[in-house]
PDB file of N, CA and C in Angstrom:
ATOM      1  N   MET A   1     -61.937  52.270 176.539  1.00  0.00           N
ATOM      2  CA  MET A   1     -62.169  53.670 176.147  1.00  0.00           C
ATOM      3  C   MET A   1     -61.405  54.043 175.102  1.00  0.00           C
ATOM      4  N   LEU A   2     -61.928  54.669 173.964  1.00  0.00           N
ATOM      5  CA  LEU A   2     -61.114  55.140 172.803  1.00  0.00           C
ATOM      6  C   LEU A   2     -60.663  56.445 173.008  1.00  0.00           C
ATOM      7  N   TYR A   3     -59.522  56.844 172.484  1.00  0.00           N
ATOM      8  CA  TYR A   3     -58.948  58.110 172.444  1.00  0.00           C
ATOM      9  C   TYR A   3     -59.708  58.871 171.359  1.00  0.00           C
ATOM     10  N   ALA A   4     -59.658  60.219 171.438  1.00  0.00           N
ATOM     11  CA  ALA A   4     -60.360  61.027 170.438  1.00  0.00           C
ATOM     12  C   ALA A   4     -59.857  60.825 169.056  1.00  0.00           C
ATOM     13  N   HIS A   5     -58.536  60.549 168.885  1.00  0.00           N
ATOM     14  CA  HIS A   5     -58.083  60.319 167.445  1.00  0.00           C
ATOM     15  C   HIS A   5     -58.678  58.959 167.011  1.00  0.00           C
ATOM     16  N   GLU A   6     -58.797  57.929 167.777  1.00  0.00           N
ATOM     17  CA  GLU A   6     -59.300  56.659 167.478  1.00  0.00           C
ATOM     18  C   GLU A   6     -60.773  56.826 166.915  1.00  0.00           C
ATOM     19  N   VAL A   7     -61.492  57.652 167.790  1.00  0.00           N
ATOM     20  CA  VAL A   7     -62.921  57.897 167.281  1.00  0.00           C
ATOM     21  C   VAL A   7     -63.027  58.481 166.026  1.00  0.00           C
ATOM     22  N   ILE A   8     -62.117  59.515 165.778  1.00  0.00           N
ATOM     23  CA  ILE A   8     -62.266  60.231 164.394  1.00  0.00           C
ATOM     24  C   ILE A   8     -61.705  59.325 163.306  1.00  0.00           C
ATOM     25  N   LEU A   9     -60.635  58.540 163.547  1.00  0.00           N
ATOM     26  CA  LEU A   9     -60.279  57.637 162.476  1.00  0.00           C
ATOM     27  C   LEU A   9     -61.324  56.632 162.166  1.00  0.00           C
ATOM     28  N   ASN A  10     -62.005  56.069 163.251  1.00  0.00           N
ATOM     29  CA  ASN A  10     -62.999  55.118 163.020  1.00  0.00           C
ATOM     30  C   ASN A  10     -64.181  55.782 162.247  1.00  0.00           C
ATOM     31  N   GLU A  11     -64.532  57.022 162.494  1.00  0.00           N
ATOM     32  CA  GLU A  11     -65.583  57.695 161.744  1.00  0.00           C
ATOM     33  C   GLU A  11     -65.233  57.907 160.335  1.00  0.00           C
ATOM     34  N   LEU A  12     -63.923  58.251 160.108  1.00  0.00           N
ATOM     35  CA  LEU A  12     -63.467  58.320 158.664  1.00  0.00           C
ATOM     36  C   LEU A  12     -63.536  56.949 157.922  1.00  0.00           C
ATOM     37  N   ALA A  13     -63.068  55.990 158.691  1.00  0.00           N
ATOM     38  CA  ALA A  13     -63.103  54.615 158.027  1.00  0.00           C
ATOM     39  C   ALA A  13     -64.597  54.142 157.600  1.00  0.00           C
ATOM     40  N   GLN A  14     -65.456  54.538 158.444  1.00  0.00           N
ATOM     41  CA  GLN A  14     -66.907  54.163 158.203  1.00  0.00           C
ATOM     42  C   GLN A  14     -67.574  55.213 157.345  1.00  0.00           C
ATOM     43  N   GLY A  15     -66.850  56.210 156.859  1.00  0.00           N
ATOM     44  CA  GLY A  15     -67.610  57.167 155.925  1.00  0.00           C
ATOM     45  C   GLY A  15     -68.489  58.144 156.576  1.00  0.00           C
ATOM     46  N   ARG A  16     -68.468  58.144 157.995  1.00  0.00           N
ATOM     47  CA  ARG A  16     -69.228  59.075 158.720  1.00  0.00           C
ATOM     48  C   ARG A  16     -68.702  60.522 158.777  1.00  0.00           C
ATOM     49  N   ARG A  17     -67.455  60.611 158.300  1.00  0.00           N
ATOM     50  CA  ARG A  17     -66.775  61.886 158.083  1.00  0.00           C
ATOM     51  C   ARG A  17     -66.168  61.862 156.746  1.00  0.00           C
ATOM     52  N   SER A  18     -66.199  63.046 156.094  1.00  0.00           N
ATOM     53  CA  SER A  18     -65.556  63.162 154.687  1.00  0.00           C
ATOM     54  C   SER A  18     -64.055  63.010 154.783  1.00  0.00           C
ATOM     55  N   THR A  19     -63.459  62.833 153.574  1.00  0.00           N
ATOM     56  CA  THR A  19     -62.064  62.888 153.502  1.00  0.00           C
ATOM     57  C   THR A  19     -61.541  64.275 153.762  1.00  0.00           C
ATOM     58  N   THR A  20     -62.288  65.258 153.274  1.00  0.00           N
ATOM     59  CA  THR A  20     -61.884  66.626 153.503  1.00  0.00           C
ATOM     60  C   THR A  20     -61.855  67.025 154.892  1.00  0.00           C
ATOM     61  N   GLU A  21     -62.921  66.535 155.709  1.00  0.00           N
ATOM     62  CA  GLU A  21     -62.878  66.774 157.144  1.00  0.00           C
ATOM     63  C   GLU A  21     -61.658  66.109 157.846  1.00  0.00           C
ATOM     64  N   GLY A  22     -61.348  64.885 157.323  1.00  0.00           N
ATOM     65  CA  GLY A  22     -60.204  64.118 157.999  1.00  0.00           C
ATOM     66  C   GLY A  22     -58.878  64.841 157.733  1.00  0.00           C
ATOM     67  N   ILE A  23     -58.695  65.321 156.492  1.00  0.00           N
ATOM     68  CA  ILE A  23     -57.529  66.016 156.223  1.00  0.00           C
ATOM     69  C   ILE A  23     -57.410  67.302 157.011  1.00  0.00           C
ATOM     70  N   GLU A  24     -58.461  68.090 157.043  1.00  0.00           N
ATOM     71  CA  GLU A  24     -58.482  69.341 157.861  1.00  0.00           C
ATOM     72  C   GLU A  24     -58.220  69.059 159.408  1.00  0.00           C
ATOM     73  N   TRP A  25     -58.760  67.993 159.908  1.00  0.00           N
ATOM     74  CA  TRP A  25     -58.651  67.578 161.276  1.00  0.00           C
ATOM     75  C   TRP A  25     -57.162  67.229 161.472  1.00  0.00           C
ATOM     76  N   PHE A  26     -56.595  66.355 160.561  1.00  0.00           N
ATOM     77  CA  PHE A  26     -55.238  65.937 160.708  1.00  0.00           C
ATOM     78  C   PHE A  26     -54.244  67.013 160.667  1.00  0.00           C
ATOM     79  N   GLU A  27     -54.377  67.871 159.771  1.00  0.00           N
ATOM     80  CA  GLU A  27     -53.598  69.096 159.570  1.00  0.00           C
ATOM     81  C   GLU A  27     -53.626  70.044 160.692  1.00  0.00           C
ATOM     82  N   SER A  28     -54.714  70.053 161.496  1.00  0.00           N
ATOM     83  CA  SER A  28     -54.799  70.921 162.476  1.00  0.00           C
ATOM     84  C   SER A  28     -54.180  70.434 163.776  1.00  0.00           C
ATOM     85  N   LEU A  29     -53.744  69.168 163.749  1.00  0.00           N
ATOM     86  CA  LEU A  29     -53.066  68.543 164.891  1.00  0.00           C
ATOM     87  C   LEU A  29     -51.684  69.130 165.045  1.00  0.00           C
ATOM     88  N   PRO A  30     -51.168  69.207 166.279  1.00  0.00           N
ATOM     89  CA  PRO A  30     -49.732  69.635 166.461  1.00  0.00           C
ATOM     90  C   PRO A  30     -48.970  68.344 165.788  1.00  0.00           C
ATOM     91  N   GLU A  31     -47.699  68.589 165.469  1.00  0.00           N
ATOM     92  CA  GLU A  31     -46.814  67.591 164.835  1.00  0.00           C
ATOM     93  C   GLU A  31     -46.794  66.300 165.619  1.00  0.00           C
ATOM     94  N   ASP A  32     -46.548  66.495 166.971  1.00  0.00           N
ATOM     95  CA  ASP A  32     -46.488  65.231 167.777  1.00  0.00           C
ATOM     96  C   ASP A  32     -47.794  64.324 167.768  1.00  0.00           C
ATOM     97  N   ASP A  33     -48.882  65.019 167.833  1.00  0.00           N
ATOM     98  CA  ASP A  33     -50.205  64.312 167.693  1.00  0.00           C
ATOM     99  C   ASP A  33     -50.348  63.659 166.273  1.00  0.00           C
ATOM    100  N   GLN A  34     -49.895  64.363 165.242  1.00  0.00           N
ATOM    101  CA  GLN A  34     -49.939  63.801 163.976  1.00  0.00           C
ATOM    102  C   GLN A  34     -49.176  62.455 163.892  1.00  0.00           C
ATOM    103  N   ARG A  35     -48.001  62.526 164.484  1.00  0.00           N
ATOM    104  CA  ARG A  35     -47.152  61.345 164.552  1.00  0.00           C
ATOM    105  C   ARG A  35     -47.855  60.196 165.388  1.00  0.00           C
ATOM    106  N   LYS A  36     -48.387  60.505 166.470  1.00  0.00           N
ATOM    107  CA  LYS A  36     -49.056  59.524 167.239  1.00  0.00           C
ATOM    108  C   LYS A  36     -50.284  58.957 166.569  1.00  0.00           C
ATOM    109  N   THR A  37     -50.941  59.803 165.769  1.00  0.00           N
ATOM    110  CA  THR A  37     -52.195  59.424 165.054  1.00  0.00           C
ATOM    111  C   THR A  37     -51.684  58.424 163.924  1.00  0.00           C
ATOM    112  N   LEU A  38     -50.651  58.711 163.324  1.00  0.00           N
ATOM    113  CA  LEU A  38     -50.120  57.864 162.185  1.00  0.00           C
ATOM    114  C   LEU A  38     -49.641  56.580 162.724  1.00  0.00           C
ATOM    115  N   LEU A  39     -48.990  56.528 163.864  1.00  0.00           N
ATOM    116  CA  LEU A  39     -48.558  55.302 164.571  1.00  0.00           C
ATOM    117  C   LEU A  39     -49.691  54.403 164.902  1.00  0.00           C
ATOM    118  N   ALA A  40     -50.863  54.952 165.440  1.00  0.00           N
ATOM    119  CA  ALA A  40     -52.049  54.182 165.766  1.00  0.00           C
ATOM    120  C   ALA A  40     -52.703  53.672 164.455  1.00  0.00           C
ATOM    121  N   LEU A  41     -52.711  54.448 163.445  1.00  0.00           N
ATOM    122  CA  LEU A  41     -53.248  53.978 162.159  1.00  0.00           C
ATOM    123  C   LEU A  41     -52.470  52.856 161.593  1.00  0.00           C
ATOM    124  N   VAL A  42     -51.180  52.910 161.606  1.00  0.00           N
ATOM    125  CA  VAL A  42     -50.327  51.856 161.233  1.00  0.00           C
ATOM    126  C   VAL A  42     -50.656  50.535 162.005  1.00  0.00           C
ATOM    127  N   ALA A  43     -50.651  50.676 163.355  1.00  0.00           N
ATOM    128  CA  ALA A  43     -50.967  49.562 164.276  1.00  0.00           C
ATOM    129  C   ALA A  43     -52.354  48.965 163.885  1.00  0.00           C
ATOM    130  N   ASP A  44     -53.277  49.759 163.677  1.00  0.00           N
ATOM    131  CA  ASP A  44     -54.591  49.177 163.369  1.00  0.00           C
ATOM    132  C   ASP A  44     -54.567  48.511 161.964  1.00  0.00           C
ATOM    133  N   ALA A  45     -53.801  49.021 161.007  1.00  0.00           N
ATOM    134  CA  ALA A  45     -53.728  48.305 159.690  1.00  0.00           C
ATOM    135  C   ALA A  45     -53.119  47.105 159.888  1.00  0.00           C
ATOM    136  N   ARG A  46     -52.018  46.951 160.644  1.00  0.00           N
ATOM    137  CA  ARG A  46     -51.195  45.751 160.832  1.00  0.00           C
ATOM    138  C   ARG A  46     -52.108  44.633 161.577  1.00  0.00           C
ATOM    139  N   ALA A  47     -52.877  45.084 162.478  1.00  0.00           N
ATOM    140  CA  ALA A  47     -53.679  44.114 163.301  1.00  0.00           C
ATOM    141  C   ALA A  47     -54.764  43.571 162.304  1.00  0.00           C
ATOM    142  N   ALA A  48     -55.342  44.549 161.435  1.00  0.00           N
ATOM    143  CA  ALA A  48     -56.418  44.103 160.534  1.00  0.00           C
ATOM    144  C   ALA A  48     -55.779  43.068 159.575  1.00  0.00           C
ATOM    145  N   THR A  49     -54.655  43.410 159.065  1.00  0.00           N
ATOM    146  CA  THR A  49     -54.010  42.390 158.121  1.00  0.00           C
ATOM    147  C   THR A  49     -53.647  41.112 158.853  1.00  0.00           C
ATOM    148  N   SER A  50     -53.222  41.203 159.961  1.00  0.00           N
ATOM    149  CA  SER A  50     -52.903  39.840 160.702  1.00  0.00           C
ATOM    150  C   SER A  50     -54.163  39.127 160.957  1.00  0.00           C
ATOM    151  N   ARG A  51     -55.262  39.738 161.359  1.00  0.00           N
ATOM    152  CA  ARG A  51     -56.441  39.045 161.516  1.00  0.00           C
ATOM    153  C   ARG A  51     -57.013  38.428 160.165  1.00  0.00           C
ATOM    154  N   ARG A  52     -56.940  39.125 159.127  1.00  0.00           N
ATOM    155  CA  ARG A  52     -57.363  38.678 157.752  1.00  0.00           C
ATOM    156  C   ARG A  52     -56.531  37.496 157.428  1.00  0.00           C
ATOM    157  N   GLN A  53     -55.196  37.470 157.485  1.00  0.00           N
ATOM    158  CA  GLN A  53     -54.308  36.411 157.161  1.00  0.00           C
ATOM    159  C   GLN A  53     -54.614  35.195 158.037  1.00  0.00           C
ATOM    160  N   SER A  54     -54.823  35.409 159.287  1.00  0.00           N
ATOM    161  CA  SER A  54     -55.227  34.277 160.186  1.00  0.00           C
ATOM    162  C   SER A  54     -56.439  33.625 159.794  1.00  0.00           C
ATOM    163  N   ARG A  55     -57.445  34.444 159.489  1.00  0.00           N
ATOM    164  CA  ARG A  55     -58.768  33.899 159.076  1.00  0.00           C
ATOM    165  C   ARG A  55     -58.620  33.097 157.843  1.00  0.00           C
ATOM    166  N   TYR A  56     -57.727  33.571 156.869  1.00  0.00           N
ATOM    167  CA  TYR A  56     -57.604  32.730 155.623  1.00  0.00           C
ATOM    168  C   TYR A  56     -56.776  31.430 155.829  1.00  0.00           C
ATOM    169  N   ARG A  57     -55.868  31.499 156.778  1.00  0.00           N
ATOM    170  CA  ARG A  57     -55.048  30.273 157.197  1.00  0.00           C
ATOM    171  C   ARG A  57     -56.059  29.308 157.781  1.00  0.00           C
ATOM    172  N   ASP A  58     -56.949  29.859 158.664  1.00  0.00           N
ATOM    173  CA  ASP A  58     -57.868  28.980 159.303  1.00  0.00           C
ATOM    174  C   ASP A  58     -58.836  28.302 158.297  1.00  0.00           C
ATOM    175  N   LEU A  59     -59.244  29.093 157.215  1.00  0.00           N
ATOM    176  CA  LEU A  59     -60.180  28.560 156.337  1.00  0.00           C
ATOM    177  C   LEU A  59     -59.410  27.534 155.422  1.00  0.00           C
ATOM    178  N   GLY A  60     -58.093  27.744 155.176  1.00  0.00           N
ATOM    179  CA  GLY A  60     -57.261  26.864 154.303  1.00  0.00           C
ATOM    180  C   GLY A  60     -57.161  25.438 155.112  1.00  0.00           C
ATOM    181  N   SER A  61     -56.871  25.572 156.435  1.00  0.00           N
ATOM    182  CA  SER A  61     -56.744  24.424 157.225  1.00  0.00           C
ATOM    183  C   SER A  61     -58.001  23.568 157.276  1.00  0.00           C
ATOM    184  N   ALA A  62     -59.125  24.267 157.371  1.00  0.00           N
ATOM    185  CA  ALA A  62     -60.425  23.622 157.449  1.00  0.00           C
ATOM    186  C   ALA A  62     -60.782  22.908 156.160  1.00  0.00           C
ATOM    187  N   ALA A  63     -60.228  23.421 154.974  1.00  0.00           N
ATOM    188  CA  ALA A  63     -60.489  22.827 153.718  1.00  0.00           C
ATOM    189  C   ALA A  63     -59.764  21.632 153.556  1.00  0.00           C
ATOM    190  N   CYS A  64     -58.685  21.488 154.356  1.00  0.00           N
ATOM    191  CA  CYS A  64     -57.906  20.172 154.104  1.00  0.00           C
ATOM    192  C   CYS A  64     -58.496  18.965 154.796  1.00  0.00           C
ATOM    193  N   PHE A  65     -59.495  19.151 155.654  1.00  0.00           N
ATOM    194  CA  PHE A  65     -60.084  18.005 156.279  1.00  0.00           C
ATOM    195  C   PHE A  65     -61.241  17.422 155.641  1.00  0.00           C
TER     196      PHE A  65
END
């Protein structure tokens, strides 16, 4: 189950919400929720980077054979 902030971040990433909507939404959050949202965004970015690096390593290994 996704949390509300995860759904909104996902919609922003997919272009289903405008950047202006995202900024307005984020600025309307209490400071603690802004912090939690940023931490979730950082975690998602790190996970995406890790998956991408892993995929490239896998492709590089396959090319060696």
